[in-house]
Protein backbone atom coordinates (compact mmCIF):
# COMPACT_ATOMS: atom_id res chain seq x y z
CA UNK A 1 0.00 0.00 0.00
CA UNK A 2 1.33 3.45 -0.90
CA UNK A 3 2.17 5.93 1.81
CA UNK A 4 -0.34 8.69 2.38
CA UNK A 5 1.16 12.16 2.49
CA UNK A 6 -0.60 14.70 4.69
CA UNK A 7 -0.03 18.13 6.13
CA UNK A 8 -2.16 19.58 8.91
CA UNK A 9 -2.70 23.18 7.81
CA UNK A 10 -4.76 24.22 10.85
CA UNK A 11 -5.95 22.60 14.06
CA UNK A 12 -9.48 23.95 14.38
CA UNK A 13 -10.52 22.24 17.59
CA UNK A 14 -10.26 19.22 19.88
CA UNK A 15 -13.49 17.33 20.63
CA UNK A 16 -12.13 14.74 23.06
CA UNK A 17 -8.97 13.13 24.41
CA UNK A 18 -8.49 9.44 25.26
CA UNK A 19 -6.60 8.20 28.34
CA UNK A 20 -3.71 7.29 26.00
CA UNK A 21 -3.43 10.89 24.81
CA UNK A 22 -5.00 10.48 21.37
CA UNK A 23 -7.21 13.45 20.46
CA UNK A 24 -10.32 13.58 18.30
CA UNK A 25 -9.76 16.75 16.28
CA UNK A 26 -11.34 18.84 13.57
CA UNK A 27 -8.48 20.00 11.37
CA UNK A 28 -7.85 21.46 7.94
CA UNK A 29 -5.66 18.85 6.21
CA UNK A 30 -4.02 18.60 2.80
CA UNK A 31 -3.92 14.96 1.65
CA UNK A 32 -1.34 14.02 -1.01
CA UNK A 33 -0.62 17.69 -1.82
CA UNK A 34 -4.25 18.37 -2.77
CA UNK A 35 -6.54 21.20 -1.70
CA UNK A 36 -7.01 21.12 2.09
CA UNK A 37 -10.27 19.63 3.41
CA UNK A 38 -11.91 19.61 6.80
CA UNK A 39 -11.01 16.41 8.58
CA UNK A 40 -12.44 14.77 11.70
CA UNK A 41 -10.44 11.88 13.23
CA UNK A 42 -8.29 10.75 16.15
CA UNK A 43 -4.59 11.63 16.15
CA UNK A 44 -1.68 10.42 18.23
CA UNK A 45 -0.10 13.07 20.48
CA UNK A 46 2.68 13.79 17.93
CA UNK A 47 0.33 13.66 14.90
CA UNK A 48 2.34 10.85 13.25
CA UNK A 49 -0.44 8.24 13.57
CA UNK A 50 -4.14 8.58 12.89
CA UNK A 51 -7.38 6.67 13.25
CA UNK A 52 -10.15 6.34 10.71
CA UNK A 53 -11.93 9.56 9.98
CA UNK A 54 -13.99 11.57 7.57
CA UNK A 55 -13.01 14.43 5.27
CA UNK A 56 -15.41 17.12 4.15
CA UNK A 57 -15.18 19.98 1.69
CA UNK A 58 -16.51 23.41 2.65
CA UNK A 59 -19.99 22.77 1.26
CA UNK A 60 -20.29 19.43 3.08
CA UNK A 61 -19.15 21.03 6.35
CA UNK A 62 -21.71 23.82 5.93
CA UNK A 63 -24.45 21.21 5.35
CA UNK A 64 -23.32 19.29 8.47
CA UNK A 65 -23.48 22.54 10.46
CA UNK A 66 -27.05 23.06 9.22
CA UNK A 67 -28.02 19.53 10.25
CA UNK A 68 -26.41 19.84 13.69
CA UNK A 69 -28.06 23.23 14.29
CA UNK A 70 -31.44 21.58 13.65
CA UNK A 71 -30.96 18.87 16.27
CA UNK A 72 -32.72 19.41 19.59
CA UNK A 73 -30.30 18.00 22.18
């Protein structure tokens, strides 16, 4: 399997932290030198390892915001 190249352009926020120090973060990430996308996943403390996550473009993130705003918690 080919290596995945990534660069975290901006750490937007941390949602949670596990006892082992991994953090669930919303970041702006460039994958394989492409246009940065919004990315939600767990990262190791030094950001060298990552868990499974989801990437969203601006329009998808705006739609998610709309959906979340409509939820009555």
